[in-house]
Amino acid sequence: MPFQTDFIIQGTAQFMSDDLLTSSIRGRPHIHSPVDDLFSLFYVAQWAAVFHPDGDGLPMVQDLRKQLAEGERMQTTRELQDINPHNTSKADGGRILPLLGPLFKIWLKSLEELRSRYKDALTSVQAMDPLVKHLFLAIAYRGVGDFVEAIEEWKELEEVDLDSDLE
């Protein structure tokens, strides 16, 4: 059975992967992948961190919230990667954003690498339906494993103690 490419892409635009969002805007077909879901999880986590009540009233956080509300997700993503406990005080970024900025940076790099590997692999097996299913599952599991590795790298890099850092 060939790939179905005549379907409607649905979802919340703020949380769609870049590939899904671009396909939706341009009316082009897109084969949904676990990478799309992992990017969606990334954007949901980014949104949750920016809109966490801990940042209420802080000008820097308000600017990030405004960017997200106005659809400037990539700008927010770039700025979050530069926020860390070494260059952003709690008075500027609250407790959450300085703590999570490095994680977003590590995680995004991992996702971009996974997207590239998936696209290369999909090109190789696209004509072989049974292999596509296995590739889908393999990439999904790899993405979850990459996320766990990103958290471990972040914890070591920032010497994070979640219990005390969030108090």
N, C-alpha and C. Protein backbone atom coordinates (compact mmCIF):
# COMPACT_ATOMS: atom_id res chain seq x y z
N MET A 1 0.86 -1.18 0.00
CA MET A 1 0.00 0.00 0.00
C MET A 1 0.90 1.24 0.00
N PRO A 2 0.73 2.13 -0.95
CA PRO A 2 1.54 3.36 -0.99
C PRO A 2 1.16 4.30 0.13
N PHE A 3 2.04 5.26 0.42
CA PHE A 3 1.77 6.26 1.45
C PHE A 3 0.54 7.07 1.09
N GLN A 4 -0.26 7.36 2.09
CA GLN A 4 -1.40 8.25 1.90
C GLN A 4 -0.90 9.68 2.08
N THR A 5 -1.11 10.50 1.06
CA THR A 5 -0.63 11.88 1.14
C THR A 5 -1.75 12.88 0.92
N ASP A 6 -2.99 12.42 0.85
CA ASP A 6 -4.11 13.33 0.62
C ASP A 6 -4.94 13.48 1.88
N PHE A 7 -4.34 13.98 2.92
CA PHE A 7 -5.04 14.15 4.19
C PHE A 7 -4.86 15.57 4.69
N ILE A 8 -5.67 15.91 5.66
CA ILE A 8 -5.62 17.25 6.23
C ILE A 8 -4.76 17.21 7.49
N ILE A 9 -3.89 18.18 7.61
CA ILE A 9 -3.04 18.29 8.80
C ILE A 9 -3.80 19.13 9.82
N GLN A 10 -3.97 18.57 11.02
CA GLN A 10 -4.69 19.28 12.07
C GLN A 10 -3.84 19.35 13.32
N GLY A 11 -4.11 20.34 14.14
CA GLY A 11 -3.41 20.48 15.40
C GLY A 11 -3.30 21.94 15.79
N THR A 12 -2.71 22.17 16.92
CA THR A 12 -2.50 23.53 17.41
C THR A 12 -1.19 24.04 16.82
N ALA A 13 -1.29 25.09 16.01
CA ALA A 13 -0.13 25.57 15.26
C ALA A 13 1.07 25.87 16.15
N GLN A 14 0.84 26.44 17.34
CA GLN A 14 1.95 26.79 18.23
C GLN A 14 2.78 25.58 18.64
N PHE A 15 2.19 24.39 18.57
CA PHE A 15 2.87 23.20 19.04
C PHE A 15 3.23 22.22 17.93
N MET A 16 2.93 22.57 16.68
CA MET A 16 3.27 21.69 15.55
C MET A 16 4.77 21.72 15.28
N SER A 17 5.28 20.62 14.78
CA SER A 17 6.67 20.61 14.32
C SER A 17 6.78 21.58 13.16
N ASP A 18 7.98 22.04 12.90
CA ASP A 18 8.20 22.97 11.79
C ASP A 18 7.79 22.33 10.46
N ASP A 19 8.09 21.04 10.29
CA ASP A 19 7.74 20.36 9.04
C ASP A 19 6.23 20.29 8.85
N LEU A 20 5.50 19.93 9.90
CA LEU A 20 4.04 19.88 9.81
C LEU A 20 3.46 21.27 9.57
N LEU A 21 3.95 22.25 10.27
CA LEU A 21 3.44 23.61 10.14
C LEU A 21 3.67 24.14 8.73
N THR A 22 4.86 23.93 8.21
CA THR A 22 5.17 24.38 6.85
C THR A 22 4.28 23.68 5.83
N SER A 23 4.11 22.37 5.98
CA SER A 23 3.25 21.61 5.07
C SER A 23 1.81 22.10 5.13
N SER A 24 1.35 22.38 6.33
CA SER A 24 -0.02 22.85 6.52
C SER A 24 -0.23 24.21 5.86
N ILE A 25 0.70 25.13 6.08
CA ILE A 25 0.60 26.47 5.52
C ILE A 25 0.65 26.44 4.00
N ARG A 26 1.52 25.61 3.45
CA ARG A 26 1.70 25.56 2.00
C ARG A 26 0.77 24.57 1.31
N GLY A 27 -0.03 23.85 2.10
CA GLY A 27 -0.96 22.88 1.53
C GLY A 27 -0.27 21.70 0.88
N ARG A 28 0.89 21.35 1.39
CA ARG A 28 1.67 20.23 0.85
C ARG A 28 1.48 18.99 1.73
N PRO A 29 1.56 17.82 1.12
CA PRO A 29 1.45 16.60 1.92
C PRO A 29 2.68 16.41 2.81
N HIS A 30 2.47 15.74 3.90
CA HIS A 30 3.56 15.46 4.84
C HIS A 30 3.29 14.12 5.49
N ILE A 31 4.30 13.27 5.54
CA ILE A 31 4.17 11.99 6.23
C ILE A 31 4.50 12.23 7.69
N HIS A 32 3.48 12.10 8.54
CA HIS A 32 3.65 12.33 9.97
C HIS A 32 4.65 11.33 10.53
N SER A 33 5.53 11.82 11.39
CA SER A 33 6.55 10.95 11.96
C SER A 33 6.63 11.16 13.47
N PRO A 34 7.33 10.24 14.14
CA PRO A 34 7.53 10.45 15.58
C PRO A 34 8.36 11.70 15.85
N VAL A 35 9.16 12.12 14.89
CA VAL A 35 9.94 13.34 15.06
C VAL A 35 9.00 14.54 15.20
N ASP A 36 7.89 14.52 14.42
CA ASP A 36 6.90 15.59 14.55
C ASP A 36 6.34 15.63 15.97
N ASP A 37 6.04 14.47 16.52
CA ASP A 37 5.49 14.40 17.88
C ASP A 37 6.51 14.86 18.91
N LEU A 38 7.78 14.50 18.72
CA LEU A 38 8.81 14.91 19.66
C LEU A 38 9.05 16.42 19.60
N PHE A 39 9.01 17.00 18.41
CA PHE A 39 9.12 18.45 18.31
C PHE A 39 7.91 19.11 18.97
N SER A 40 6.73 18.53 18.81
CA SER A 40 5.54 19.08 19.47
C SER A 40 5.72 19.07 20.98
N LEU A 41 6.24 17.98 21.51
CA LEU A 41 6.51 17.91 22.95
C LEU A 41 7.50 19.00 23.36
N PHE A 42 8.51 19.22 22.56
CA PHE A 42 9.49 20.28 22.83
C PHE A 42 8.79 21.63 22.90
N TYR A 43 7.94 21.93 21.92
CA TYR A 43 7.27 23.24 21.90
C TYR A 43 6.25 23.40 23.03
N VAL A 44 5.62 22.31 23.42
CA VAL A 44 4.71 22.37 24.58
C VAL A 44 5.53 22.66 25.84
N ALA A 45 6.66 21.98 26.00
CA ALA A 45 7.52 22.21 27.18
C ALA A 45 8.05 23.65 27.19
N GLN A 46 8.43 24.14 26.03
CA GLN A 46 8.91 25.51 25.93
C GLN A 46 7.80 26.49 26.34
N TRP A 47 6.60 26.27 25.84
CA TRP A 47 5.46 27.13 26.17
C TRP A 47 5.18 27.07 27.67
N ALA A 48 5.18 25.86 28.23
CA ALA A 48 4.89 25.71 29.66
C ALA A 48 5.94 26.42 30.51
N ALA A 49 7.19 26.37 30.10
CA ALA A 49 8.25 27.06 30.86
C ALA A 49 8.08 28.57 30.79
N VAL A 50 7.78 29.08 29.61
CA VAL A 50 7.63 30.53 29.44
C VAL A 50 6.39 31.05 30.17
N PHE A 51 5.32 30.28 30.16
CA PHE A 51 4.08 30.73 30.79
C PHE A 51 3.93 30.25 32.24
N HIS A 52 4.97 29.66 32.79
CA HIS A 52 4.92 29.24 34.20
C HIS A 52 4.70 30.49 35.06
N PRO A 53 3.83 30.42 36.05
CA PRO A 53 3.52 31.60 36.88
C PRO A 53 4.74 32.22 37.56
N ASP A 54 5.81 31.46 37.68
CA ASP A 54 7.03 31.96 38.30
C ASP A 54 7.56 33.21 37.59
N GLY A 55 7.25 33.35 36.30
CA GLY A 55 7.75 34.48 35.54
C GLY A 55 6.80 35.66 35.45
N ASP A 56 5.65 35.57 36.13
CA ASP A 56 4.67 36.65 36.07
C ASP A 56 5.30 37.98 36.48
N GLY A 57 5.10 38.99 35.65
CA GLY A 57 5.56 40.33 35.97
C GLY A 57 7.02 40.62 35.64
N LEU A 58 7.77 39.64 35.19
CA LEU A 58 9.18 39.87 34.85
C LEU A 58 9.27 40.31 33.39
N PRO A 59 9.89 41.45 33.12
CA PRO A 59 9.92 41.99 31.76
C PRO A 59 10.46 41.03 30.71
N MET A 60 11.56 40.34 31.01
CA MET A 60 12.13 39.42 30.03
C MET A 60 11.14 38.30 29.70
N VAL A 61 10.50 37.76 30.73
CA VAL A 61 9.53 36.68 30.54
C VAL A 61 8.31 37.21 29.78
N GLN A 62 7.88 38.41 30.10
CA GLN A 62 6.75 39.01 29.40
C GLN A 62 7.06 39.16 27.91
N ASP A 63 8.29 39.54 27.58
CA ASP A 63 8.69 39.66 26.17
C ASP A 63 8.62 38.31 25.47
N LEU A 64 9.09 37.26 26.13
CA LEU A 64 9.03 35.92 25.55
C LEU A 64 7.58 35.47 25.35
N ARG A 65 6.73 35.76 26.32
CA ARG A 65 5.32 35.41 26.22
C ARG A 65 4.67 36.13 25.03
N LYS A 66 5.01 37.40 24.88
CA LYS A 66 4.46 38.18 23.77
C LYS A 66 4.91 37.59 22.43
N GLN A 67 6.17 37.22 22.34
CA GLN A 67 6.68 36.60 21.11
C GLN A 67 5.90 35.33 20.77
N LEU A 68 5.70 34.48 21.78
CA LEU A 68 4.96 33.23 21.53
C LEU A 68 3.53 33.53 21.12
N ALA A 69 2.90 34.48 21.79
CA ALA A 69 1.51 34.82 21.48
C ALA A 69 1.38 35.38 20.06
N GLU A 70 2.43 36.03 19.59
CA GLU A 70 2.40 36.63 18.25
C GLU A 70 2.94 35.69 17.17
N GLY A 71 3.20 34.44 17.55
CA GLY A 71 3.64 33.46 16.57
C GLY A 71 5.13 33.48 16.26
N GLU A 72 5.92 34.11 17.11
CA GLU A 72 7.37 34.19 16.91
C GLU A 72 8.08 33.08 17.68
N ARG A 73 7.66 31.85 17.44
CA ARG A 73 8.18 30.71 18.18
C ARG A 73 9.68 30.51 17.98
N MET A 74 10.17 30.66 16.77
CA MET A 74 11.59 30.42 16.52
C MET A 74 12.46 31.46 17.22
N GLN A 75 11.99 32.69 17.28
CA GLN A 75 12.73 33.73 18.00
C GLN A 75 12.80 33.38 19.48
N THR A 76 11.68 32.95 20.04
CA THR A 76 11.64 32.54 21.44
C THR A 76 12.59 31.37 21.68
N THR A 77 12.56 30.40 20.77
CA THR A 77 13.43 29.23 20.89
C THR A 77 14.90 29.65 20.91
N ARG A 78 15.28 30.56 20.02
CA ARG A 78 16.67 31.04 19.99
C ARG A 78 17.03 31.75 21.30
N GLU A 79 16.14 32.60 21.79
CA GLU A 79 16.43 33.33 23.02
C GLU A 79 16.50 32.42 24.23
N LEU A 80 15.63 31.42 24.30
CA LEU A 80 15.66 30.49 25.44
C LEU A 80 16.98 29.73 25.51
N GLN A 81 17.59 29.45 24.37
CA GLN A 81 18.84 28.72 24.36
C GLN A 81 19.98 29.52 24.97
N ASP A 82 19.84 30.85 25.01
CA ASP A 82 20.88 31.70 25.57
C ASP A 82 20.67 31.99 27.05
N ILE A 83 19.55 31.56 27.60
CA ILE A 83 19.26 31.79 29.01
C ILE A 83 19.82 30.63 29.82
N ASN A 84 20.58 30.95 30.87
CA ASN A 84 21.08 29.90 31.75
C ASN A 84 21.37 30.51 33.12
N PRO A 85 21.59 29.66 34.11
CA PRO A 85 21.81 30.18 35.48
C PRO A 85 23.05 31.05 35.62
N HIS A 86 23.96 30.98 34.64
CA HIS A 86 25.21 31.74 34.73
C HIS A 86 25.07 33.16 34.19
N ASN A 87 24.06 33.40 33.34
CA ASN A 87 23.93 34.74 32.76
C ASN A 87 22.55 35.37 32.97
N THR A 88 21.66 34.68 33.65
CA THR A 88 20.31 35.19 33.86
C THR A 88 19.93 35.00 35.33
N SER A 89 19.64 36.09 36.00
CA SER A 89 19.28 35.99 37.41
C SER A 89 17.82 35.57 37.56
N LYS A 90 17.49 35.09 38.74
CA LYS A 90 16.10 34.75 39.03
C LYS A 90 15.22 35.99 38.97
N ALA A 91 15.80 37.15 39.25
CA ALA A 91 15.03 38.40 39.18
C ALA A 91 14.66 38.74 37.74
N ASP A 92 15.44 38.25 36.78
CA ASP A 92 15.14 38.50 35.36
C ASP A 92 14.31 37.38 34.74
N GLY A 93 14.69 36.14 35.02
CA GLY A 93 14.06 35.01 34.35
C GLY A 93 13.25 34.10 35.24
N GLY A 94 13.10 34.46 36.52
CA GLY A 94 12.40 33.57 37.44
C GLY A 94 13.28 32.37 37.77
N ARG A 95 12.70 31.38 38.39
CA ARG A 95 13.47 30.17 38.74
C ARG A 95 13.52 29.18 37.59
N ILE A 96 12.45 29.15 36.78
CA ILE A 96 12.30 28.10 35.78
C ILE A 96 13.16 28.32 34.53
N LEU A 97 13.08 29.48 33.91
CA LEU A 97 13.76 29.69 32.63
C LEU A 97 15.28 29.58 32.71
N PRO A 98 15.95 30.18 33.70
CA PRO A 98 17.40 29.99 33.75
C PRO A 98 17.79 28.53 33.95
N LEU A 99 16.98 27.80 34.66
CA LEU A 99 17.24 26.39 34.90
C LEU A 99 17.04 25.55 33.64
N LEU A 100 15.98 25.84 32.87
CA LEU A 100 15.64 25.00 31.72
C LEU A 100 16.26 25.44 30.41
N GLY A 101 16.77 26.67 30.31
CA GLY A 101 17.38 27.13 29.07
C GLY A 101 18.41 26.16 28.51
N PRO A 102 19.37 25.70 29.32
CA PRO A 102 20.37 24.75 28.80
C PRO A 102 19.74 23.43 28.33
N LEU A 103 18.70 22.97 29.01
CA LEU A 103 18.03 21.75 28.58
C LEU A 103 17.40 21.95 27.20
N PHE A 104 16.74 23.08 26.99
CA PHE A 104 16.14 23.34 25.68
C PHE A 104 17.21 23.35 24.58
N LYS A 105 18.36 23.90 24.87
CA LYS A 105 19.44 23.96 23.88
C LYS A 105 19.92 22.55 23.52
N ILE A 106 20.17 21.73 24.52
CA ILE A 106 20.63 20.35 24.30
C ILE A 106 19.55 19.54 23.58
N TRP A 107 18.32 19.67 24.03
CA TRP A 107 17.21 18.89 23.49
C TRP A 107 16.96 19.27 22.03
N LEU A 108 16.97 20.55 21.71
CA LEU A 108 16.72 20.98 20.34
C LEU A 108 17.79 20.44 19.40
N LYS A 109 19.03 20.48 19.81
CA LYS A 109 20.12 19.94 18.98
C LYS A 109 19.88 18.46 18.71
N SER A 110 19.49 17.74 19.74
CA SER A 110 19.20 16.31 19.61
C SER A 110 18.05 16.07 18.64
N LEU A 111 17.00 16.88 18.74
CA LEU A 111 15.84 16.72 17.85
C LEU A 111 16.20 17.03 16.40
N GLU A 112 17.00 18.05 16.19
CA GLU A 112 17.40 18.40 14.82
C GLU A 112 18.22 17.28 14.19
N GLU A 113 19.10 16.66 14.98
CA GLU A 113 19.89 15.53 14.49
C GLU A 113 18.99 14.34 14.19
N LEU A 114 18.01 14.09 15.06
CA LEU A 114 17.08 12.98 14.85
C LEU A 114 16.25 13.20 13.60
N ARG A 115 15.79 14.42 13.38
CA ARG A 115 15.00 14.73 12.17
C ARG A 115 15.82 14.44 10.92
N SER A 116 17.07 14.82 10.92
CA SER A 116 17.94 14.58 9.77
C SER A 116 18.13 13.07 9.53
N ARG A 117 18.41 12.33 10.61
CA ARG A 117 18.57 10.87 10.47
C ARG A 117 17.30 10.22 9.96
N TYR A 118 16.14 10.68 10.45
CA TYR A 118 14.87 10.10 10.03
C TYR A 118 14.63 10.35 8.55
N LYS A 119 14.86 11.58 8.10
CA LYS A 119 14.63 11.90 6.68
C LYS A 119 15.54 11.07 5.78
N ASP A 120 16.78 10.91 6.17
CA ASP A 120 17.71 10.08 5.38
C ASP A 120 17.24 8.63 5.34
N ALA A 121 16.86 8.10 6.48
CA ALA A 121 16.41 6.71 6.55
C ALA A 121 15.11 6.50 5.79
N LEU A 122 14.18 7.45 5.91
CA LEU A 122 12.89 7.32 5.22
C LEU A 122 13.09 7.29 3.71
N THR A 123 14.00 8.09 3.21
CA THR A 123 14.29 8.09 1.77
C THR A 123 14.76 6.71 1.33
N SER A 124 15.52 6.04 2.18
CA SER A 124 16.06 4.72 1.84
C SER A 124 15.01 3.62 1.84
N VAL A 125 14.00 3.71 2.71
CA VAL A 125 13.05 2.59 2.87
C VAL A 125 11.63 2.92 2.42
N GLN A 126 11.41 4.09 1.86
CA GLN A 126 10.04 4.54 1.56
C GLN A 126 9.26 3.56 0.69
N ALA A 127 9.90 2.87 -0.21
CA ALA A 127 9.20 1.95 -1.10
C ALA A 127 8.91 0.60 -0.43
N MET A 128 9.40 0.38 0.76
CA MET A 128 9.23 -0.91 1.45
C MET A 128 8.37 -0.71 2.70
N ASP A 129 7.06 -0.81 2.54
CA ASP A 129 6.13 -0.51 3.62
C ASP A 129 6.46 -1.16 4.96
N PRO A 130 6.79 -2.45 5.02
CA PRO A 130 7.08 -3.04 6.34
C PRO A 130 8.25 -2.34 7.04
N LEU A 131 9.24 -1.93 6.28
CA LEU A 131 10.40 -1.26 6.89
C LEU A 131 10.04 0.14 7.40
N VAL A 132 9.10 0.78 6.75
CA VAL A 132 8.70 2.12 7.18
C VAL A 132 8.11 2.05 8.59
N LYS A 133 7.29 1.05 8.84
CA LYS A 133 6.70 0.87 10.18
C LYS A 133 7.79 0.66 11.22
N HIS A 134 8.77 -0.15 10.91
CA HIS A 134 9.88 -0.39 11.85
C HIS A 134 10.72 0.87 12.05
N LEU A 135 10.93 1.60 10.97
CA LEU A 135 11.68 2.85 11.07
C LEU A 135 10.94 3.83 11.97
N PHE A 136 9.62 3.93 11.78
CA PHE A 136 8.80 4.83 12.61
C PHE A 136 9.00 4.51 14.08
N LEU A 137 8.89 3.23 14.44
CA LEU A 137 9.03 2.82 15.84
C LEU A 137 10.46 3.04 16.34
N ALA A 138 11.44 2.71 15.51
CA ALA A 138 12.84 2.88 15.93
C ALA A 138 13.15 4.35 16.22
N ILE A 139 12.67 5.22 15.36
CA ILE A 139 12.93 6.65 15.56
C ILE A 139 12.17 7.16 16.79
N ALA A 140 10.97 6.67 17.00
CA ALA A 140 10.20 7.08 18.19
C ALA A 140 10.96 6.70 19.46
N TYR A 141 11.43 5.47 19.52
CA TYR A 141 12.17 5.02 20.70
C TYR A 141 13.49 5.78 20.84
N ARG A 142 14.17 6.03 19.72
CA ARG A 142 15.42 6.77 19.75
C ARG A 142 15.19 8.19 20.28
N GLY A 143 14.08 8.79 19.85
CA GLY A 143 13.76 10.14 20.30
C GLY A 143 13.53 10.22 21.80
N VAL A 144 12.84 9.24 22.34
CA VAL A 144 12.62 9.20 23.79
C VAL A 144 13.95 8.98 24.50
N GLY A 145 14.78 8.08 23.96
CA GLY A 145 16.10 7.86 24.55
C GLY A 145 16.96 9.11 24.48
N ASP A 146 16.89 9.83 23.36
CA ASP A 146 17.65 11.08 23.23
C ASP A 146 17.20 12.11 24.27
N PHE A 147 15.90 12.15 24.54
CA PHE A 147 15.38 13.09 25.53
C PHE A 147 15.95 12.77 26.92
N VAL A 148 15.95 11.50 27.27
CA VAL A 148 16.50 11.09 28.56
C VAL A 148 17.99 11.44 28.63
N GLU A 149 18.72 11.20 27.54
CA GLU A 149 20.14 11.55 27.50
C GLU A 149 20.33 13.07 27.61
N ALA A 150 19.45 13.84 26.99
CA ALA A 150 19.55 15.31 27.08
C ALA A 150 19.36 15.76 28.52
N ILE A 151 18.43 15.15 29.23
CA ILE A 151 18.21 15.50 30.63
C ILE A 151 19.45 15.16 31.46
N GLU A 152 20.02 14.00 31.23
CA GLU A 152 21.23 13.61 31.97
C GLU A 152 22.39 14.56 31.68
N GLU A 153 22.57 14.91 30.41
CA GLU A 153 23.65 15.84 30.04
C GLU A 153 23.42 17.21 30.69
N TRP A 154 22.17 17.67 30.67
CA TRP A 154 21.80 18.95 31.27
C TRP A 154 22.08 18.94 32.77
N LYS A 155 21.69 17.86 33.44
CA LYS A 155 21.90 17.77 34.88
C LYS A 155 23.39 17.81 35.22
N GLU A 156 24.21 17.12 34.44
CA GLU A 156 25.65 17.12 34.68
C GLU A 156 26.26 18.48 34.34
N LEU A 157 25.87 19.04 33.21
CA LEU A 157 26.42 20.32 32.75
C LEU A 157 26.12 21.44 33.74
N GLU A 158 24.90 21.48 34.20
CA GLU A 158 24.47 22.57 35.08
C GLU A 158 24.52 22.18 36.56
N GLU A 159 24.95 20.94 36.84
CA GLU A 159 24.95 20.46 38.21
C GLU A 159 23.60 20.72 38.87
N VAL A 160 22.57 20.26 38.19
CA VAL A 160 21.19 20.52 38.59
C VAL A 160 20.77 19.59 39.71
N ASP A 161 20.21 20.16 40.74
CA ASP A 161 19.55 19.43 41.80
C ASP A 161 18.10 19.92 41.77
N LEU A 162 17.24 19.18 41.09
CA LEU A 162 15.88 19.66 40.86
C LEU A 162 15.15 20.02 42.13
N ASP A 163 15.36 19.26 43.19
CA ASP A 163 14.65 19.56 44.44
C ASP A 163 15.05 20.92 45.00
N SER A 164 16.33 21.20 45.08
CA SER A 164 16.75 22.47 45.68
C SER A 164 16.65 23.63 44.70
N ASP A 165 16.88 23.40 43.39
CA ASP A 165 16.84 24.47 42.42
C ASP A 165 15.43 25.02 42.20
N LEU A 166 14.42 24.23 42.46
CA LEU A 166 13.05 24.68 42.25
C LEU A 166 12.38 25.19 43.53
N GLU A 167 13.10 25.18 44.62
CA GLU A 167 12.54 25.68 45.89
C GLU A 167 12.53 27.18 45.91
